[in-house]
Protein backbone atom coordinates (compact mmCIF):
# COMPACT_ATOMS: atom_id res chain seq x y z
CA MET A 1 -1.37 -82.99 24.02
CA ARG A 2 -3.78 -82.94 26.98
CA PHE A 3 -5.39 -79.76 25.53
CA PHE A 4 -6.10 -81.42 22.16
CA ARG A 5 -7.30 -84.57 23.91
CA GLN A 6 -9.85 -82.43 25.79
CA ILE A 7 -10.99 -80.85 22.54
CA GLY A 8 -11.42 -84.25 20.98
CA GLU A 9 -13.63 -85.30 23.89
CA LEU A 10 -16.08 -82.43 23.29
CA LYS A 11 -19.49 -83.62 22.19
CA GLY A 12 -22.70 -82.10 20.84
CA TRP A 13 -23.29 -78.39 21.18
CA ARG A 14 -20.00 -77.82 22.95
CA ARG A 15 -18.04 -79.20 20.04
CA PHE A 16 -20.20 -77.27 17.56
CA GLY A 17 -19.70 -74.03 19.49
CA PHE A 18 -15.95 -74.58 19.63
CA GLU A 19 -15.72 -75.19 15.89
CA VAL A 20 -17.80 -72.06 15.21
CA ALA A 21 -15.46 -70.07 17.47
CA ILE A 22 -12.45 -71.39 15.53
CA ILE A 23 -14.07 -70.32 12.25
CA VAL A 24 -14.93 -66.86 13.59
CA VAL A 25 -11.38 -66.34 14.86
CA GLY A 26 -9.98 -67.50 11.52
CA LEU A 27 -12.25 -65.15 9.60
CA GLY A 28 -11.30 -62.31 11.92
CA ILE A 29 -7.61 -62.90 11.37
CA THR A 30 -8.18 -63.10 7.60
CA LEU A 31 -10.17 -59.85 7.57
CA ILE A 32 -7.54 -58.07 9.65
CA ALA A 33 -4.80 -59.31 7.32
CA GLN A 34 -6.76 -58.18 4.27
CA GLU A 35 -7.36 -54.77 5.83
CA LEU A 36 -3.65 -54.41 6.58
CA ILE A 37 -2.79 -55.36 3.00
CA THR A 38 -5.43 -52.97 1.64
CA SER A 39 -4.17 -50.16 3.86
CA ALA A 40 -0.60 -50.80 2.74
CA ASP A 41 -1.63 -50.80 -0.92
CA ARG A 42 -3.66 -47.63 -0.42
CA ALA A 43 -0.74 -45.92 1.32
CA ARG A 44 1.59 -46.93 -1.51
CA GLU A 45 -0.85 -45.63 -4.14
CA MET A 46 -1.32 -42.38 -2.21
CA HIS A 47 2.44 -41.95 -1.93
CA LEU A 48 2.96 -42.45 -5.67
CA ALA A 49 0.05 -40.17 -6.57
CA THR A 50 1.09 -37.32 -4.28
CA ASP A 51 4.70 -37.61 -5.47
CA ALA A 52 3.47 -37.09 -9.04
CA VAL A 53 1.35 -34.12 -7.98
CA GLU A 54 4.28 -32.56 -6.15
CA THR A 55 6.37 -32.89 -9.32
CA GLU A 56 3.65 -30.93 -11.11
CA LEU A 57 3.74 -28.32 -8.35
CA ALA A 58 7.49 -27.94 -8.91
CA GLY A 59 6.79 -27.25 -12.58
CA ILE A 60 4.09 -24.74 -11.65
CA LEU A 61 6.52 -23.03 -9.28
CA PHE A 62 8.99 -22.63 -12.15
CA TYR A 63 6.39 -21.33 -14.61
CA THR A 64 4.92 -18.80 -12.18
CA SER A 65 8.39 -17.56 -11.22
CA GLU A 66 9.28 -17.28 -14.90
CA ARG A 67 6.09 -15.34 -15.51
CA LEU A 68 6.96 -12.84 -12.77
CA ALA A 69 10.55 -12.59 -14.00
CA VAL A 70 9.47 -11.40 -17.46
CA GLU A 71 6.68 -9.16 -16.14
CA PRO A 72 8.78 -5.95 -16.49
CA CYS A 73 9.45 -6.90 -20.12
CA ARG A 74 5.74 -7.50 -20.79
CA ARG A 75 4.93 -4.06 -19.45
CA ASP A 76 7.65 -2.50 -21.60
CA GLN A 77 6.31 -4.22 -24.71
CA ILE A 78 2.78 -2.97 -24.07
CA ARG A 79 3.94 0.55 -23.17
CA VAL A 80 6.09 0.94 -26.29
CA LEU A 81 3.37 -0.36 -28.60
CA ALA A 82 0.74 1.88 -27.01
CA GLU A 83 2.94 4.97 -27.37
CA ARG A 84 3.73 4.16 -30.99
CA LEU A 85 0.05 3.66 -31.82
CA GLN A 86 -0.80 6.99 -30.19
CA ASP A 87 2.00 8.85 -31.98
CA SER A 88 1.62 7.17 -35.38
CA ASP A 89 0.77 9.62 -38.16
CA ASN A 90 -1.17 7.31 -40.51
CA ARG A 91 2.05 5.49 -41.29
CA TRP A 92 3.14 2.41 -39.38
CA ALA A 93 6.73 1.17 -39.23
CA ALA A 94 7.10 -2.46 -38.20
CA GLU A 95 9.71 -2.34 -35.44
CA ILE A 96 10.04 -5.60 -33.56
CA PRO A 97 12.55 -6.07 -30.70
CA GLU A 98 15.33 -8.37 -31.85
CA GLY A 99 14.81 -11.15 -29.33
CA ILE A 100 10.99 -11.32 -29.37
CA ASN A 101 10.87 -14.00 -32.07
CA ARG A 102 13.91 -15.99 -31.00
CA ASP A 103 13.13 -19.75 -30.89
CA ASN A 104 9.64 -18.96 -32.14
CA ASP A 105 9.45 -21.19 -35.22
CA PHE A 106 6.32 -23.02 -34.03
CA PHE A 107 4.28 -19.82 -34.45
CA VAL A 108 5.47 -19.52 -38.08
CA LEU A 109 4.51 -15.81 -38.28
CA PRO A 110 6.51 -13.34 -36.19
CA ARG A 111 4.91 -11.93 -33.04
CA ILE A 112 4.63 -8.28 -32.11
CA VAL A 113 4.35 -9.04 -28.38
CA ARG A 114 5.47 -12.09 -26.42
CA THR A 115 4.99 -13.74 -23.06
CA PRO A 116 5.84 -17.33 -22.02
CA GLN A 117 3.60 -20.03 -23.50
CA ARG A 118 3.56 -22.99 -21.15
CA SER A 119 1.77 -26.32 -20.87
CA TRP A 120 0.56 -25.86 -17.31
CA PRO A 121 0.69 -29.36 -15.72
CA ASP A 122 -2.30 -30.94 -13.99
CA GLU A 123 -2.59 -34.51 -15.33
CA ALA A 124 -1.39 -36.18 -12.12
CA TRP A 125 -3.75 -34.04 -10.03
CA MET A 126 -6.74 -34.77 -12.28
CA ALA A 127 -5.97 -38.50 -12.12
CA LEU A 128 -5.67 -38.41 -8.32
CA ARG A 129 -8.88 -36.43 -7.93
CA ALA A 130 -10.79 -38.93 -10.07
CA SER A 131 -9.38 -41.97 -8.23
CA ASP A 132 -10.73 -43.84 -5.21
CA ILE A 133 -7.77 -42.78 -3.05
CA ALA A 134 -8.86 -39.12 -3.17
CA ILE A 135 -11.35 -39.75 -0.36
CA TYR A 136 -8.49 -40.80 1.94
CA MET A 137 -6.50 -37.58 1.44
CA ASP A 138 -6.10 -35.09 4.23
CA ARG A 139 -8.97 -32.62 3.77
CA ASP A 140 -6.83 -29.52 4.24
CA GLN A 141 -4.27 -30.77 1.73
CA PHE A 142 -6.99 -31.69 -0.76
CA THR A 143 -8.53 -28.22 -0.43
CA GLN A 144 -5.16 -26.55 -0.86
CA LEU A 145 -4.36 -28.54 -3.99
CA SER A 146 -7.83 -27.96 -5.42
CA GLY A 147 -7.33 -24.21 -5.04
CA ILE A 148 -3.92 -24.29 -6.72
CA PHE A 149 -5.03 -26.30 -9.73
CA ARG A 150 -8.23 -24.30 -10.10
CA GLN A 151 -6.07 -21.21 -10.51
CA VAL A 152 -3.76 -23.09 -12.87
CA ALA A 153 -6.79 -23.81 -15.07
CA ARG A 154 -7.51 -20.06 -15.10
CA LEU A 155 -3.93 -19.34 -16.15
CA ARG A 156 -4.24 -21.82 -18.99
CA GLU A 157 -7.49 -20.25 -20.20
CA ARG A 158 -6.05 -16.73 -20.00
CA GLN A 159 -2.94 -17.83 -21.85
CA ASP A 160 -5.07 -19.17 -24.69
CA SER A 161 -7.10 -15.95 -24.85
CA ALA A 162 -3.95 -13.80 -24.82
CA SER A 163 -2.41 -15.93 -27.57
CA GLN A 164 -5.44 -15.36 -29.80
CA LEU A 165 -5.31 -11.60 -29.22
CA ALA A 166 -1.58 -11.56 -29.97
CA GLY A 167 -2.40 -13.25 -33.27
CA ARG A 168 -4.94 -10.53 -34.08
CA LEU A 169 -2.22 -7.95 -33.47
CA SER A 170 0.12 -9.66 -35.93
CA HIS A 171 -0.80 -7.17 -38.68
CA LEU A 172 1.42 -4.68 -36.84
CA ASN A 173 4.36 -6.69 -38.15
CA MET A 174 3.65 -5.16 -41.56
CA ALA A 175 4.72 -1.61 -42.39
CA GLY A 176 2.24 0.56 -44.25
CA GLN A 177 -0.73 2.88 -43.96
CA LEU A 178 -2.56 2.83 -40.61
CA ASP A 179 -5.39 5.32 -40.38
CA GLU A 180 -7.01 6.56 -37.19
CA ALA A 181 -9.76 3.93 -37.17
CA GLN A 182 -7.23 1.15 -37.60
CA ARG A 183 -5.02 2.59 -34.88
CA ARG A 184 -7.97 2.75 -32.50
CA GLU A 185 -8.90 -0.85 -33.26
CA ALA A 186 -5.30 -2.00 -32.70
CA TYR A 187 -5.14 0.02 -29.48
CA ALA A 188 -8.34 -1.62 -28.23
CA LEU A 189 -6.95 -5.09 -29.00
CA LEU A 190 -3.74 -4.18 -27.24
CA GLY A 191 -5.79 -3.04 -24.24
CA GLU A 192 -7.58 -6.41 -24.08
CA PHE A 193 -4.26 -8.21 -24.38
CA ALA A 194 -2.72 -6.06 -21.62
CA ALA A 195 -5.68 -6.64 -19.29
CA ILE A 196 -5.55 -10.43 -19.72
CA GLU A 197 -1.79 -10.60 -19.36
CA GLY A 198 -1.77 -8.29 -16.34
CA GLY A 199 -4.39 -10.42 -14.63
CA SER A 200 -2.37 -13.53 -15.44
CA SER A 201 0.66 -12.06 -13.70
CA VAL A 202 -1.41 -11.32 -10.59
CA ILE A 203 -2.77 -14.88 -10.53
CA ALA A 204 0.73 -16.29 -11.11
CA GLY A 205 2.00 -14.44 -8.06
CA GLN A 206 -0.87 -15.74 -5.93
CA VAL A 207 -0.35 -19.32 -7.14
CA ARG A 208 3.38 -19.14 -6.43
CA ASP A 209 2.75 -17.95 -2.87
CA VAL A 210 0.39 -20.87 -2.19
CA VAL A 211 2.74 -23.43 -3.75
CA LEU A 212 5.57 -22.15 -1.56
CA GLU A 213 3.39 -22.79 1.50
CA PHE A 214 2.81 -26.43 0.50
CA ASP A 215 4.37 -29.10 2.71
CA PHE A 216 6.48 -30.95 0.14
CA ARG A 217 7.63 -34.49 0.86
CA ASN A 218 8.84 -35.69 -2.54
CA GLN A 219 12.55 -34.91 -2.56
CA ASP A 220 12.76 -36.00 -6.21
CA ARG A 221 10.25 -33.43 -7.47
CA PHE A 222 13.04 -31.56 -9.29
CA ALA A 223 14.41 -34.69 -10.96
CA GLU A 224 13.74 -33.33 -14.45
CA MET A 225 15.66 -30.09 -13.74
CA SER A 226 19.42 -29.79 -13.35
CA GLU A 227 21.55 -26.79 -12.43
CA THR A 228 22.63 -26.58 -16.07
CA ASP A 229 19.01 -26.64 -17.25
CA LEU A 230 18.10 -23.91 -14.77
CA GLY A 231 20.99 -21.71 -15.83
CA ASP A 232 20.12 -22.21 -19.50
CA ALA A 233 16.46 -21.35 -18.84
CA ILE A 234 17.32 -18.05 -17.15
CA GLY A 235 19.85 -17.21 -19.85
CA ARG A 236 17.25 -17.96 -22.56
CA MET A 237 14.77 -15.62 -20.88
CA ARG A 238 17.29 -12.81 -21.13
CA GLN A 239 18.10 -13.65 -24.75
CA ILE A 240 14.40 -13.44 -25.68
CA TYR A 241 13.17 -10.56 -23.55
CA GLY A 242 16.35 -8.59 -22.81
CA VAL A 243 17.91 -7.03 -19.75
CA CYS A 244 14.44 -6.14 -18.46
CA VAL A 245 14.14 -9.70 -17.08
CA ASP A 246 14.02 -9.62 -13.28
CA ALA A 247 15.88 -12.87 -12.62
CA THR A 248 15.54 -12.38 -8.85
CA GLN A 249 11.92 -13.52 -9.24
CA MET A 250 13.38 -16.98 -9.86
CA GLN A 251 14.93 -17.02 -6.37
CA PRO A 252 11.99 -18.77 -4.62
CA TYR A 253 12.22 -21.60 -7.15
CA ILE A 254 16.01 -21.72 -6.80
CA ASP A 255 15.76 -21.91 -3.00
CA GLU A 256 13.35 -24.86 -3.23
CA PHE A 257 15.53 -26.51 -5.88
CA ASN A 258 18.70 -26.19 -3.80
CA ALA A 259 16.99 -27.38 -0.61
CA ALA A 260 15.56 -30.50 -2.29
CA THR A 261 18.59 -31.44 -4.41
CA GLY A 262 21.43 -30.27 -2.20
CA GLY A 263 22.51 -27.98 -5.05
CA GLN A 264 24.23 -24.63 -4.78
CA PHE A 265 22.80 -22.89 -7.80
CA ALA A 266 23.12 -19.10 -7.80
CA ILE A 267 21.69 -16.67 -10.36
CA ASP A 268 24.80 -14.53 -10.75
CA SER A 269 27.03 -17.49 -11.60
CA ALA A 270 24.71 -19.10 -14.13
CA ALA A 271 22.47 -16.46 -15.68
CA THR A 272 24.19 -14.55 -18.47
CA GLY A 273 22.85 -11.63 -20.38
CA PRO A 274 21.89 -11.67 -24.06
């Protein structure tokens, strides 16, 4: 009470200075509180954004592992077609491996060669990069993610180019006359297709290596994948491409999946042949 009585006795400039000091202290407390709230909101937004990006990275890890798993099959397809084009004597027999067009209704026409067609994810990353919180990201992490998704964009572009070339090779689904000029043209198209697909496999391996080095924190990044889904996916690969599938290329994904989910998925117990 004596303290407030002394304040009440202040006159003139002393009282004015005291009131100004009270205002300044109040504003300071308000600004500090607002900054704490802003920092908390920013941290929450960053957490949600990076969780979404890490979920995309989990999908990319699956797609790149899948790509490497079917790589021996892709090579076999190209090799067989190339040999048949070289040995063809003006007569072409349409011989398509049984599984190549399994679950392929969306293409309508049958395919002569096949590799996985995937919607490479990057929406969460693009949204984060365009947001205000991007400037608060760790620089090394931002650079690492930028490199990954830049390569993902290249994979998407190469996939589109390969798909167009595969369409131009669709005439090999029809038996009939195939003279030397036509064989040479088909061989050249097959060479373009093989070059694009081979480069895609190299990039996929590089992307997978970088993703595996990423410091994941979202333990729910595999929420959309179950052990049953994973087993079905590997089994479907073998049904489509055959015993040439190297399922061991899925092991890095499986290890990450088991570590994050506490699962005990194993290839031998879940992946069945065609």
